[in-house]
């Protein structure tokens, strides 16, 4: 696997602007309803953060790309909901995800304005709460007053763990940051593995819960 990552890391180092563009798009698309449920934006950001300690990517530009992408993604979803109002919640493709839409609306009704803040850290409703906030008539000033601080906390929370983990491993083993050392590979592979296992766990839990409801509804023989 490391033989696959070595040329990838070398490519990123030589074409850093593509990595920043990828980070921007990952953060932006993660905030789009439905699309954000399948785009592993957080995984991409966490994984690429391992390339910061070695100088392949710059911390300030990674944070900026992630934050700007998230602001534009959340803002676009909010304004679509704000213009369409509740009609958007009953329009394709949201009609294909009634459970998540209902959970997002319940989440918003429960926490009010703070739902926009908390949702940024809670997938998959992160991709549905901004459009729900707009559809339910939340004022733009209130939305951005909560959304922007949440994103300014969310971006470092997704970037700094990789930076600190790889830096700590380099320091512990006394090896320089530059070069193809295994620590960045370890972090990237760990993030991807955890994301896959977590995704499968959520899928299995939801499938079992839905299946349990169907089973319970069947009459006994």
N, C-alpha and C. Protein backbone atom coordinates (compact mmCIF):
# COMPACT_ATOMS: atom_id res chain seq x y z
N UNK A 1 0.83 -1.21 0.00
CA UNK A 1 0.00 0.00 0.00
C UNK A 1 0.86 1.25 0.00
N UNK A 2 1.99 1.21 0.74
CA UNK A 2 2.86 2.39 0.77
C UNK A 2 3.46 2.67 -0.60
N UNK A 3 3.65 1.61 -1.41
CA UNK A 3 4.17 1.82 -2.76
C UNK A 3 3.19 2.61 -3.61
N UNK A 4 1.89 2.52 -3.27
CA UNK A 4 0.87 3.31 -3.96
C UNK A 4 0.86 4.74 -3.45
N UNK A 5 1.09 4.92 -2.15
CA UNK A 5 1.03 6.25 -1.56
C UNK A 5 2.25 7.09 -1.90
N UNK A 6 3.41 6.47 -2.09
CA UNK A 6 4.63 7.23 -2.37
C UNK A 6 4.49 8.12 -3.61
N UNK A 7 4.08 7.58 -4.76
CA UNK A 7 3.91 8.47 -5.93
C UNK A 7 2.79 9.48 -5.75
N UNK A 8 1.75 9.10 -4.98
CA UNK A 8 0.66 10.04 -4.72
C UNK A 8 1.16 11.23 -3.91
N UNK A 9 1.96 10.95 -2.88
CA UNK A 9 2.51 12.02 -2.05
C UNK A 9 3.48 12.88 -2.86
N UNK A 10 4.26 12.24 -3.70
CA UNK A 10 5.20 12.99 -4.55
C UNK A 10 4.44 13.90 -5.51
N UNK A 11 3.33 13.40 -6.04
CA UNK A 11 2.52 14.20 -6.96
C UNK A 11 1.93 15.40 -6.25
N UNK A 12 1.41 15.17 -5.03
CA UNK A 12 0.83 16.27 -4.26
C UNK A 12 1.89 17.32 -3.96
N UNK A 13 3.09 16.87 -3.61
CA UNK A 13 4.17 17.80 -3.30
C UNK A 13 4.52 18.66 -4.50
N UNK A 14 4.47 18.07 -5.71
CA UNK A 14 4.82 18.80 -6.93
C UNK A 14 3.66 19.63 -7.46
N UNK A 15 2.43 19.29 -7.08
CA UNK A 15 1.24 20.00 -7.56
C UNK A 15 0.34 20.34 -6.38
N UNK A 16 0.87 21.13 -5.46
CA UNK A 16 0.15 21.42 -4.22
C UNK A 16 -1.19 22.10 -4.48
N UNK A 17 -1.28 22.89 -5.55
CA UNK A 17 -2.53 23.62 -5.82
C UNK A 17 -3.68 22.65 -6.08
N UNK A 18 -3.37 21.47 -6.64
CA UNK A 18 -4.42 20.47 -6.84
C UNK A 18 -4.91 19.91 -5.51
N UNK A 19 -4.00 19.77 -4.56
CA UNK A 19 -4.39 19.30 -3.24
C UNK A 19 -5.28 20.32 -2.54
N UNK A 20 -4.93 21.62 -2.66
CA UNK A 20 -5.76 22.66 -2.05
C UNK A 20 -7.14 22.72 -2.72
N UNK A 21 -7.16 22.53 -4.04
CA UNK A 21 -8.44 22.50 -4.76
C UNK A 21 -9.27 21.31 -4.31
N UNK A 22 -8.62 20.17 -4.11
CA UNK A 22 -9.32 18.98 -3.63
C UNK A 22 -9.91 19.21 -2.24
N UNK A 23 -9.14 19.84 -1.37
CA UNK A 23 -9.62 20.16 -0.02
C UNK A 23 -10.81 21.10 -0.08
N UNK A 24 -10.72 22.11 -0.93
CA UNK A 24 -11.81 23.06 -1.09
C UNK A 24 -13.08 22.36 -1.56
N UNK A 25 -12.96 21.53 -2.60
CA UNK A 25 -14.12 20.84 -3.15
C UNK A 25 -14.68 19.82 -2.16
N UNK A 26 -13.81 19.16 -1.41
CA UNK A 26 -14.27 18.18 -0.42
C UNK A 26 -15.12 18.86 0.64
N UNK A 27 -14.66 20.01 1.13
CA UNK A 27 -15.41 20.74 2.15
C UNK A 27 -16.70 21.31 1.58
N UNK A 28 -16.65 21.79 0.34
CA UNK A 28 -17.84 22.37 -0.29
C UNK A 28 -18.91 21.31 -0.56
N UNK A 29 -18.51 20.20 -1.19
CA UNK A 29 -19.48 19.17 -1.56
C UNK A 29 -20.04 18.44 -0.35
N UNK A 30 -19.27 18.40 0.74
CA UNK A 30 -19.76 17.75 1.95
C UNK A 30 -20.95 18.49 2.53
N UNK A 31 -21.10 19.76 2.19
CA UNK A 31 -22.19 20.57 2.71
C UNK A 31 -23.41 20.56 1.80
N UNK A 32 -23.29 19.91 0.64
CA UNK A 32 -24.41 19.87 -0.31
C UNK A 32 -25.37 18.75 0.08
N UNK A 33 -26.68 19.04 0.18
CA UNK A 33 -27.64 17.98 0.55
C UNK A 33 -27.52 16.78 -0.37
N UNK A 34 -27.62 15.60 0.22
CA UNK A 34 -27.53 14.31 -0.46
C UNK A 34 -26.09 14.02 -0.88
N UNK A 35 -25.48 14.92 -1.67
CA UNK A 35 -24.11 14.71 -2.12
C UNK A 35 -23.18 14.60 -0.92
N UNK A 36 -23.41 15.44 0.10
CA UNK A 36 -22.56 15.43 1.28
C UNK A 36 -22.65 14.16 2.09
N UNK A 37 -23.69 13.36 1.85
CA UNK A 37 -23.83 12.10 2.57
C UNK A 37 -22.92 11.02 2.02
N UNK A 38 -22.43 11.20 0.80
CA UNK A 38 -21.59 10.18 0.18
C UNK A 38 -20.16 10.66 -0.09
N UNK A 39 -19.95 11.97 -0.11
CA UNK A 39 -18.60 12.51 -0.31
C UNK A 39 -17.84 12.47 1.01
N UNK A 40 -16.72 11.74 1.10
CA UNK A 40 -15.97 11.65 2.37
C UNK A 40 -15.08 12.87 2.59
N UNK A 41 -15.70 14.03 2.68
CA UNK A 41 -14.93 15.26 2.80
C UNK A 41 -14.03 15.29 4.02
N UNK A 42 -14.58 14.92 5.16
CA UNK A 42 -13.79 14.93 6.40
C UNK A 42 -12.62 13.96 6.31
N UNK A 43 -12.85 12.81 5.70
CA UNK A 43 -11.78 11.83 5.55
C UNK A 43 -10.66 12.38 4.69
N UNK A 44 -11.01 13.05 3.60
CA UNK A 44 -10.00 13.62 2.71
C UNK A 44 -9.18 14.67 3.44
N UNK A 45 -9.84 15.53 4.21
CA UNK A 45 -9.14 16.59 4.93
C UNK A 45 -8.23 16.01 6.00
N UNK A 46 -8.74 15.05 6.76
CA UNK A 46 -7.93 14.40 7.80
C UNK A 46 -6.71 13.71 7.20
N UNK A 47 -6.92 13.01 6.08
CA UNK A 47 -5.82 12.26 5.48
C UNK A 47 -4.74 13.20 4.93
N UNK A 48 -5.15 14.23 4.20
CA UNK A 48 -4.18 15.13 3.60
C UNK A 48 -3.45 15.99 4.63
N UNK A 49 -4.00 16.11 5.82
CA UNK A 49 -3.32 16.89 6.86
C UNK A 49 -1.99 16.27 7.25
N UNK A 50 -1.80 14.98 6.95
CA UNK A 50 -0.54 14.32 7.25
C UNK A 50 0.61 14.86 6.41
N UNK A 51 0.30 15.56 5.33
CA UNK A 51 1.33 16.07 4.44
C UNK A 51 1.82 17.46 4.83
N UNK A 52 1.25 18.02 5.90
CA UNK A 52 1.64 19.36 6.33
C UNK A 52 2.99 19.37 7.06
N UNK A 53 3.24 18.48 8.03
CA UNK A 53 4.51 18.55 8.76
C UNK A 53 5.75 18.44 7.88
N UNK A 54 5.66 17.68 6.78
CA UNK A 54 6.82 17.53 5.90
C UNK A 54 6.98 18.65 4.90
N UNK A 55 6.06 19.62 4.90
CA UNK A 55 6.15 20.75 4.00
C UNK A 55 5.52 20.52 2.64
N UNK A 56 4.89 19.34 2.43
CA UNK A 56 4.22 19.09 1.16
C UNK A 56 3.05 20.05 0.97
N UNK A 57 2.37 20.36 2.07
CA UNK A 57 1.28 21.33 2.06
C UNK A 57 1.50 22.33 3.18
N UNK A 58 0.93 23.52 3.04
CA UNK A 58 1.08 24.57 4.04
C UNK A 58 -0.18 24.62 4.91
N UNK A 59 0.03 24.70 6.23
CA UNK A 59 -1.08 24.67 7.18
C UNK A 59 -2.09 25.77 6.89
N UNK A 60 -1.63 27.00 6.68
CA UNK A 60 -2.56 28.12 6.51
C UNK A 60 -3.43 27.96 5.26
N UNK A 61 -2.85 27.39 4.20
CA UNK A 61 -3.61 27.22 2.97
C UNK A 61 -4.58 26.04 3.06
N UNK A 62 -4.20 25.02 3.80
CA UNK A 62 -5.12 23.90 4.02
C UNK A 62 -6.33 24.37 4.82
N UNK A 63 -6.08 25.12 5.89
CA UNK A 63 -7.17 25.64 6.72
C UNK A 63 -8.07 26.57 5.90
N UNK A 64 -7.45 27.42 5.10
CA UNK A 64 -8.22 28.38 4.29
C UNK A 64 -9.07 27.65 3.25
N UNK A 65 -8.49 26.67 2.57
CA UNK A 65 -9.24 25.93 1.55
C UNK A 65 -10.43 25.20 2.15
N UNK A 66 -10.22 24.56 3.30
CA UNK A 66 -11.31 23.83 3.95
C UNK A 66 -12.39 24.78 4.45
N UNK A 67 -11.99 25.89 5.07
CA UNK A 67 -12.95 26.84 5.63
C UNK A 67 -13.77 27.52 4.53
N UNK A 68 -13.11 27.98 3.48
CA UNK A 68 -13.83 28.67 2.40
C UNK A 68 -14.79 27.71 1.71
N UNK A 69 -14.35 26.47 1.48
CA UNK A 69 -15.22 25.49 0.86
C UNK A 69 -16.46 25.22 1.71
N UNK A 70 -16.26 25.11 3.02
CA UNK A 70 -17.38 24.85 3.92
C UNK A 70 -18.34 26.04 3.97
N UNK A 71 -17.81 27.25 4.01
CA UNK A 71 -18.66 28.44 4.04
C UNK A 71 -19.51 28.54 2.78
N UNK A 72 -18.88 28.33 1.63
CA UNK A 72 -19.63 28.40 0.37
C UNK A 72 -20.64 27.26 0.26
N UNK A 73 -20.26 26.07 0.71
CA UNK A 73 -21.18 24.93 0.64
C UNK A 73 -22.38 25.12 1.54
N UNK A 74 -22.13 25.47 2.80
CA UNK A 74 -23.23 25.70 3.73
C UNK A 74 -24.09 26.87 3.28
N UNK A 75 -23.43 27.94 2.84
CA UNK A 75 -24.16 29.13 2.42
C UNK A 75 -25.05 28.86 1.21
N UNK A 76 -24.52 28.11 0.24
CA UNK A 76 -25.32 27.78 -0.95
C UNK A 76 -26.55 26.97 -0.57
N UNK A 77 -26.36 25.96 0.29
CA UNK A 77 -27.49 25.13 0.72
C UNK A 77 -28.51 25.97 1.48
N UNK A 78 -28.01 26.86 2.34
CA UNK A 78 -28.92 27.71 3.11
C UNK A 78 -29.76 28.59 2.19
N UNK A 79 -29.12 29.24 1.20
CA UNK A 79 -29.85 30.17 0.35
C UNK A 79 -30.84 29.45 -0.57
N UNK A 80 -30.52 28.22 -0.95
CA UNK A 80 -31.50 27.43 -1.72
C UNK A 80 -32.74 27.19 -0.87
N UNK A 81 -32.52 26.79 0.38
CA UNK A 81 -33.65 26.58 1.29
C UNK A 81 -34.39 27.87 1.60
N UNK A 82 -33.65 28.96 1.73
CA UNK A 82 -34.26 30.25 2.06
C UNK A 82 -35.16 30.73 0.93
N UNK A 83 -34.76 30.49 -0.30
CA UNK A 83 -35.54 30.94 -1.45
C UNK A 83 -36.74 30.03 -1.73
N UNK A 84 -36.54 28.73 -1.54
CA UNK A 84 -37.60 27.77 -1.86
C UNK A 84 -38.52 27.49 -0.68
N UNK A 85 -38.08 27.84 0.53
CA UNK A 85 -38.84 27.57 1.75
C UNK A 85 -39.10 26.06 1.90
N UNK A 86 -40.20 25.68 2.53
CA UNK A 86 -40.44 24.27 2.83
C UNK A 86 -40.62 23.42 1.57
N UNK A 87 -40.90 24.07 0.47
CA UNK A 87 -41.07 23.33 -0.78
C UNK A 87 -39.85 22.49 -1.11
N UNK A 88 -38.65 22.99 -0.78
CA UNK A 88 -37.43 22.28 -1.11
C UNK A 88 -37.32 20.95 -0.39
N UNK A 89 -37.92 20.87 0.80
CA UNK A 89 -37.84 19.64 1.58
C UNK A 89 -38.71 18.54 0.99
N UNK A 90 -39.64 18.92 0.12
CA UNK A 90 -40.52 17.94 -0.52
C UNK A 90 -40.22 17.80 -2.01
N UNK A 91 -38.98 18.13 -2.36
CA UNK A 91 -38.55 18.10 -3.77
C UNK A 91 -37.44 17.07 -3.94
N UNK A 92 -37.41 16.43 -5.10
CA UNK A 92 -36.30 15.52 -5.41
C UNK A 92 -34.99 16.30 -5.45
N UNK A 93 -33.88 15.78 -4.92
CA UNK A 93 -33.69 14.42 -4.43
C UNK A 93 -33.93 14.23 -2.93
N UNK A 94 -34.33 15.31 -2.24
CA UNK A 94 -34.53 15.18 -0.80
C UNK A 94 -35.65 14.20 -0.47
N UNK A 95 -36.61 14.05 -1.38
CA UNK A 95 -37.71 13.12 -1.13
C UNK A 95 -37.23 11.67 -1.07
N UNK A 96 -36.02 11.41 -1.56
CA UNK A 96 -35.47 10.05 -1.48
C UNK A 96 -34.84 9.77 -0.12
N UNK A 97 -34.74 10.79 0.73
CA UNK A 97 -34.11 10.63 2.04
C UNK A 97 -35.03 11.20 3.13
N UNK A 98 -36.24 10.69 3.23
CA UNK A 98 -37.20 11.26 4.20
C UNK A 98 -36.74 11.14 5.64
N UNK A 99 -36.04 10.04 5.96
CA UNK A 99 -35.60 9.85 7.35
C UNK A 99 -34.57 10.91 7.75
N UNK A 100 -33.58 11.14 6.88
CA UNK A 100 -32.54 12.11 7.21
C UNK A 100 -33.12 13.53 7.24
N UNK A 101 -34.03 13.83 6.31
CA UNK A 101 -34.68 15.14 6.31
C UNK A 101 -35.47 15.34 7.60
N UNK A 102 -36.18 14.30 8.02
CA UNK A 102 -36.95 14.39 9.26
C UNK A 102 -36.03 14.56 10.47
N UNK A 103 -34.89 13.83 10.46
CA UNK A 103 -33.93 13.96 11.56
C UNK A 103 -33.33 15.36 11.59
N UNK A 104 -33.05 15.90 10.43
CA UNK A 104 -32.48 17.25 10.36
C UNK A 104 -33.47 18.30 10.87
N UNK A 105 -34.74 18.15 10.46
CA UNK A 105 -35.76 19.10 10.92
C UNK A 105 -35.97 18.97 12.42
N UNK A 106 -35.99 17.74 12.92
CA UNK A 106 -36.13 17.52 14.36
C UNK A 106 -34.94 18.10 15.12
N UNK A 107 -33.74 17.92 14.56
CA UNK A 107 -32.52 18.46 15.15
C UNK A 107 -32.58 19.97 15.22
N UNK A 108 -33.07 20.58 14.14
CA UNK A 108 -33.17 22.04 14.10
C UNK A 108 -34.23 22.54 15.08
N UNK A 109 -35.37 21.87 15.13
CA UNK A 109 -36.43 22.28 16.05
C UNK A 109 -36.01 22.11 17.52
N UNK A 110 -35.16 21.13 17.77
CA UNK A 110 -34.73 20.87 19.14
C UNK A 110 -33.71 21.90 19.63
N UNK A 111 -32.74 22.22 18.79
CA UNK A 111 -31.64 23.08 19.21
C UNK A 111 -31.75 24.51 18.70
N UNK A 112 -32.69 24.76 17.79
CA UNK A 112 -32.86 26.11 17.29
C UNK A 112 -31.64 26.60 16.53
N UNK A 113 -31.22 27.81 16.80
CA UNK A 113 -30.08 28.41 16.11
C UNK A 113 -28.81 27.58 16.28
N UNK A 114 -28.65 26.98 17.46
CA UNK A 114 -27.44 26.22 17.74
C UNK A 114 -27.35 24.94 16.92
N UNK A 115 -28.46 24.53 16.30
CA UNK A 115 -28.43 23.34 15.46
C UNK A 115 -27.44 23.52 14.31
N UNK A 116 -27.34 24.75 13.79
CA UNK A 116 -26.41 25.03 12.70
C UNK A 116 -24.98 24.83 13.16
N UNK A 117 -24.70 25.19 14.40
CA UNK A 117 -23.36 25.01 14.97
C UNK A 117 -23.05 23.54 15.19
N UNK A 118 -23.94 22.84 15.90
CA UNK A 118 -23.70 21.44 16.24
C UNK A 118 -23.66 20.54 15.00
N UNK A 119 -24.51 20.84 14.02
CA UNK A 119 -24.61 19.98 12.83
C UNK A 119 -23.30 19.92 12.05
N UNK A 120 -22.49 20.97 12.12
CA UNK A 120 -21.22 20.97 11.39
C UNK A 120 -20.31 19.84 11.84
N UNK A 121 -20.55 19.31 13.04
CA UNK A 121 -19.71 18.25 13.59
C UNK A 121 -20.43 16.90 13.60
N UNK A 122 -21.64 16.83 13.00
CA UNK A 122 -22.44 15.61 13.08
C UNK A 122 -22.85 15.16 11.68
N UNK A 123 -22.04 14.28 11.04
CA UNK A 123 -22.50 13.71 9.78
C UNK A 123 -23.56 12.64 10.06
N UNK A 124 -24.51 12.35 9.14
CA UNK A 124 -24.66 12.95 7.82
C UNK A 124 -25.60 14.15 7.80
N UNK A 125 -26.18 14.54 8.96
CA UNK A 125 -27.15 15.64 8.92
C UNK A 125 -26.46 16.97 8.66
N UNK A 126 -25.12 16.99 8.73
CA UNK A 126 -24.38 18.20 8.38
C UNK A 126 -24.76 18.68 6.99
N UNK A 127 -25.04 17.73 6.09
CA UNK A 127 -25.37 18.08 4.71
C UNK A 127 -26.82 18.51 4.53
N UNK A 128 -27.64 18.39 5.58
CA UNK A 128 -29.06 18.69 5.44
C UNK A 128 -29.52 19.87 6.31
N UNK A 129 -28.82 20.14 7.39
CA UNK A 129 -29.27 21.20 8.31
C UNK A 129 -29.22 22.58 7.69
N UNK A 130 -28.18 22.97 6.92
CA UNK A 130 -28.20 24.32 6.33
C UNK A 130 -29.41 24.57 5.44
N UNK A 131 -29.75 23.62 4.56
CA UNK A 131 -30.91 23.81 3.70
C UNK A 131 -32.19 23.79 4.53
N UNK A 132 -32.20 23.00 5.59
CA UNK A 132 -33.37 22.97 6.48
C UNK A 132 -33.52 24.29 7.22
N UNK A 133 -32.39 24.86 7.65
CA UNK A 133 -32.44 26.15 8.34
C UNK A 133 -33.02 27.22 7.44
N UNK A 134 -32.63 27.23 6.17
CA UNK A 134 -33.19 28.19 5.23
C UNK A 134 -34.65 27.93 4.96
N UNK A 135 -35.02 26.66 4.81
CA UNK A 135 -36.41 26.30 4.51
C UNK A 135 -37.35 26.66 5.66
N UNK A 136 -36.84 26.61 6.88
CA UNK A 136 -37.67 26.91 8.05
C UNK A 136 -37.65 28.39 8.43
N UNK A 137 -37.03 29.21 7.60
CA UNK A 137 -37.11 30.66 7.78
C UNK A 137 -36.10 31.28 8.71
N UNK A 138 -34.97 30.61 8.95
CA UNK A 138 -33.94 31.20 9.81
C UNK A 138 -33.35 32.42 9.11
N UNK A 139 -33.21 33.52 9.83
CA UNK A 139 -32.69 34.76 9.26
C UNK A 139 -31.23 34.60 8.84
N UNK A 140 -30.84 35.20 7.70
CA UNK A 140 -29.44 35.08 7.24
C UNK A 140 -28.42 35.52 8.28
N UNK A 141 -28.69 36.61 8.99
CA UNK A 141 -27.73 37.10 9.99
C UNK A 141 -27.51 36.06 11.09
N UNK A 142 -28.60 35.43 11.52
CA UNK A 142 -28.47 34.40 12.56
C UNK A 142 -27.71 33.19 12.04
N UNK A 143 -28.00 32.81 10.80
CA UNK A 143 -27.34 31.64 10.23
C UNK A 143 -25.83 31.85 10.18
N UNK A 144 -25.40 32.96 9.59
CA UNK A 144 -23.96 33.18 9.44
C UNK A 144 -23.28 33.47 10.78
N UNK A 145 -24.01 34.05 11.73
CA UNK A 145 -23.43 34.34 13.04
C UNK A 145 -23.06 33.06 13.77
N UNK A 146 -23.74 31.98 13.45
CA UNK A 146 -23.45 30.69 14.07
C UNK A 146 -22.61 29.81 13.16
N UNK A 147 -22.90 29.85 11.86
CA UNK A 147 -22.24 28.97 10.91
C UNK A 147 -20.75 29.26 10.76
N UNK A 148 -20.40 30.52 10.63
CA UNK A 148 -18.99 30.87 10.41
C UNK A 148 -18.11 30.52 11.62
N UNK A 149 -18.50 30.83 12.86
CA UNK A 149 -17.69 30.37 14.00
C UNK A 149 -17.57 28.85 14.07
N UNK A 150 -18.66 28.16 13.71
CA UNK A 150 -18.61 26.69 13.72
C UNK A 150 -17.58 26.18 12.73
N UNK A 151 -17.54 26.77 11.54
CA UNK A 151 -16.58 26.36 10.52
C UNK A 151 -15.16 26.70 10.95
N UNK A 152 -14.97 27.84 11.60
CA UNK A 152 -13.64 28.23 12.06
C UNK A 152 -13.12 27.29 13.15
N UNK A 153 -14.02 26.57 13.82
CA UNK A 153 -13.62 25.54 14.77
C UNK A 153 -13.51 24.18 14.09
N UNK A 154 -14.40 23.93 13.13
CA UNK A 154 -14.44 22.65 12.44
C UNK A 154 -13.17 22.42 11.62
N UNK A 155 -12.70 23.43 10.90
CA UNK A 155 -11.52 23.25 10.05
C UNK A 155 -10.28 22.85 10.85
N UNK A 156 -9.89 23.56 11.91
CA UNK A 156 -8.73 23.11 12.69
C UNK A 156 -8.95 21.74 13.34
N UNK A 157 -10.20 21.45 13.72
CA UNK A 157 -10.49 20.16 14.35
C UNK A 157 -10.25 19.00 13.39
N UNK A 158 -10.31 19.26 12.08
CA UNK A 158 -10.09 18.22 11.09
C UNK A 158 -8.66 18.22 10.55
N UNK A 159 -7.96 19.32 10.70
CA UNK A 159 -6.61 19.43 10.15
C UNK A 159 -5.54 19.17 11.20
N UNK A 160 -5.69 19.76 12.38
CA UNK A 160 -4.63 19.70 13.39
C UNK A 160 -4.35 18.29 13.93
N UNK A 161 -5.34 17.39 14.06
CA UNK A 161 -5.00 16.04 14.54
C UNK A 161 -3.95 15.35 13.68
N UNK A 162 -4.06 15.47 12.36
CA UNK A 162 -3.07 14.86 11.49
C UNK A 162 -1.70 15.51 11.65
N UNK A 163 -1.69 16.83 11.75
CA UNK A 163 -0.43 17.55 11.92
C UNK A 163 0.25 17.14 13.23
N UNK A 164 -0.52 17.13 14.30
CA UNK A 164 0.05 16.79 15.60
C UNK A 164 0.49 15.34 15.68
N UNK A 165 -0.32 14.44 15.10
CA UNK A 165 0.01 13.01 15.15
C UNK A 165 1.30 12.72 14.40
N UNK A 166 1.41 13.21 13.16
CA UNK A 166 2.61 12.95 12.37
C UNK A 166 3.82 13.65 12.97
N UNK A 167 3.65 14.87 13.46
CA UNK A 167 4.77 15.59 14.09
C UNK A 167 5.26 14.86 15.33
N UNK A 168 4.32 14.33 16.13
CA UNK A 168 4.69 13.60 17.34
C UNK A 168 5.45 12.32 17.00
N UNK A 169 5.01 11.64 15.95
CA UNK A 169 5.70 10.41 15.54
C UNK A 169 7.11 10.71 15.04
N UNK A 170 7.25 11.78 14.27
CA UNK A 170 8.58 12.18 13.80
C UNK A 170 9.49 12.51 14.98
N UNK A 171 8.97 13.27 15.94
CA UNK A 171 9.76 13.68 17.08
C UNK A 171 10.12 12.49 17.96
N UNK A 172 9.16 11.57 18.12
CA UNK A 172 9.39 10.42 18.99
C UNK A 172 10.48 9.52 18.44
N UNK A 173 10.48 9.33 17.11
CA UNK A 173 11.47 8.46 16.49
C UNK A 173 12.71 9.20 16.02
N UNK A 174 12.70 10.53 16.18
CA UNK A 174 13.89 11.32 15.87
C UNK A 174 14.27 11.38 14.41
N UNK A 175 13.27 11.28 13.52
CA UNK A 175 13.55 11.33 12.09
C UNK A 175 13.12 12.68 11.53
N UNK A 176 13.79 13.15 10.48
CA UNK A 176 13.40 14.44 9.88
C UNK A 176 12.03 14.35 9.22
N UNK A 177 11.39 15.51 9.07
CA UNK A 177 10.07 15.55 8.45
C UNK A 177 10.13 15.28 6.95
N UNK A 178 11.22 15.64 6.31
CA UNK A 178 11.29 15.49 4.86
C UNK A 178 11.67 14.05 4.49
N UNK A 179 11.24 13.64 3.32
CA UNK A 179 11.53 12.29 2.87
C UNK A 179 10.33 11.39 3.01
N UNK A 180 10.43 10.18 2.45
CA UNK A 180 9.31 9.25 2.42
C UNK A 180 9.33 8.36 3.66
N UNK A 181 9.13 8.97 4.83
CA UNK A 181 9.05 8.19 6.06
C UNK A 181 7.64 7.63 6.21
N UNK A 182 7.51 6.53 6.95
CA UNK A 182 6.22 5.82 6.97
C UNK A 182 5.13 6.49 7.78
N UNK A 183 5.41 7.51 8.56
CA UNK A 183 4.42 8.04 9.49
C UNK A 183 3.23 8.67 8.78
N UNK A 184 3.50 9.41 7.71
CA UNK A 184 2.39 10.00 6.95
C UNK A 184 1.55 8.91 6.31
N UNK A 185 2.21 7.82 5.90
CA UNK A 185 1.47 6.70 5.34
C UNK A 185 0.57 6.06 6.40
N UNK A 186 1.14 5.90 7.59
CA UNK A 186 0.38 5.29 8.69
C UNK A 186 -0.86 6.11 9.00
N UNK A 187 -0.69 7.45 9.07
CA UNK A 187 -1.84 8.30 9.39
C UNK A 187 -2.90 8.23 8.29
N UNK A 188 -2.48 8.34 7.05
CA UNK A 188 -3.44 8.31 5.94
C UNK A 188 -4.20 6.99 5.91
N UNK A 189 -3.48 5.87 6.04
CA UNK A 189 -4.13 4.56 6.00
C UNK A 189 -5.06 4.36 7.20
N UNK A 190 -4.66 4.89 8.36
CA UNK A 190 -5.50 4.76 9.55
C UNK A 190 -6.80 5.54 9.39
N UNK A 191 -6.70 6.76 8.87
CA UNK A 191 -7.90 7.59 8.67
C UNK A 191 -8.85 6.91 7.69
N UNK A 192 -8.32 6.41 6.58
CA UNK A 192 -9.15 5.74 5.58
C UNK A 192 -9.81 4.50 6.16
N UNK A 193 -9.03 3.70 6.91
CA UNK A 193 -9.57 2.48 7.51
C UNK A 193 -10.68 2.79 8.50
N UNK A 194 -10.46 3.78 9.35
CA UNK A 194 -11.48 4.15 10.34
C UNK A 194 -12.74 4.66 9.64
N UNK A 195 -12.56 5.44 8.57
CA UNK A 195 -13.72 5.96 7.83
C UNK A 195 -14.52 4.82 7.21
N UNK A 196 -13.83 3.84 6.64
CA UNK A 196 -14.52 2.70 6.03
C UNK A 196 -15.26 1.88 7.07
N UNK A 197 -14.59 1.59 8.18
CA UNK A 197 -15.21 0.80 9.25
C UNK A 197 -16.40 1.56 9.86
N UNK A 198 -16.21 2.87 10.08
CA UNK A 198 -17.29 3.67 10.63
C UNK A 198 -18.48 3.74 9.70
N UNK A 199 -18.20 3.91 8.39
CA UNK A 199 -19.28 3.96 7.41
C UNK A 199 -20.05 2.66 7.34
N UNK A 200 -19.32 1.54 7.36
CA UNK A 200 -19.98 0.23 7.34
C UNK A 200 -20.79 0.00 8.61
N UNK A 201 -20.25 0.49 9.75
CA UNK A 201 -20.97 0.34 11.01
C UNK A 201 -22.29 1.11 11.00
N UNK A 202 -22.25 2.34 10.50
CA UNK A 202 -23.48 3.15 10.42
C UNK A 202 -24.47 2.53 9.46
N UNK A 203 -23.97 2.05 8.32
CA UNK A 203 -24.85 1.41 7.34
C UNK A 203 -25.53 0.17 7.94
N UNK A 204 -24.74 -0.64 8.65
CA UNK A 204 -25.29 -1.87 9.24
C UNK A 204 -26.30 -1.54 10.32
N UNK A 205 -26.00 -0.51 11.14
CA UNK A 205 -26.92 -0.12 12.22
C UNK A 205 -28.25 0.35 11.65
N UNK A 206 -28.18 1.20 10.63
CA UNK A 206 -29.42 1.71 10.04
C UNK A 206 -30.21 0.60 9.35
N UNK A 207 -29.49 -0.29 8.67
CA UNK A 207 -30.18 -1.39 8.00
C UNK A 207 -30.84 -2.30 9.03
N UNK A 208 -30.15 -2.58 10.12
CA UNK A 208 -30.71 -3.44 11.17
C UNK A 208 -31.90 -2.79 11.84
N UNK A 209 -31.79 -1.45 12.07
CA UNK A 209 -32.90 -0.74 12.70
C UNK A 209 -34.12 -0.73 11.80
N UNK A 210 -33.90 -0.47 10.52
CA UNK A 210 -35.02 -0.49 9.58
C UNK A 210 -35.60 -1.88 9.43
N UNK A 211 -34.72 -2.88 9.38
CA UNK A 211 -35.19 -4.26 9.27
C UNK A 211 -35.93 -4.71 10.49
N UNK A 212 -35.44 -4.21 11.67
CA UNK A 212 -36.11 -4.57 12.93
C UNK A 212 -37.53 -4.05 12.96
N UNK A 213 -37.70 -2.81 12.39
CA UNK A 213 -39.03 -2.24 12.38
C UNK A 213 -39.96 -3.04 11.50
N UNK A 214 -39.45 -3.56 10.37
CA UNK A 214 -40.27 -4.34 9.47
C UNK A 214 -40.65 -5.66 10.09
N UNK A 215 -39.65 -6.27 10.76
CA UNK A 215 -39.90 -7.55 11.38
C UNK A 215 -40.94 -7.44 12.47
N UNK A 216 -40.87 -6.36 13.24
CA UNK A 216 -41.81 -6.18 14.34
C UNK A 216 -43.23 -5.99 13.84
N UNK A 217 -43.35 -5.52 12.62
CA UNK A 217 -44.68 -5.23 12.10
C UNK A 217 -45.36 -6.48 11.52
N UNK A 218 -44.58 -7.56 11.35
CA UNK A 218 -45.15 -8.76 10.76
C UNK A 218 -45.99 -9.51 11.78
N UNK A 219 -47.17 -10.00 11.42
CA UNK A 219 -47.99 -10.77 12.36
C UNK A 219 -47.38 -12.14 12.60
N UNK A 220 -47.61 -12.64 13.76
CA UNK A 220 -47.12 -13.97 14.10
C UNK A 220 -47.95 -15.03 13.40
N UNK A 221 -47.29 -16.15 13.08
CA UNK A 221 -48.00 -17.24 12.43
C UNK A 221 -48.91 -17.97 13.41
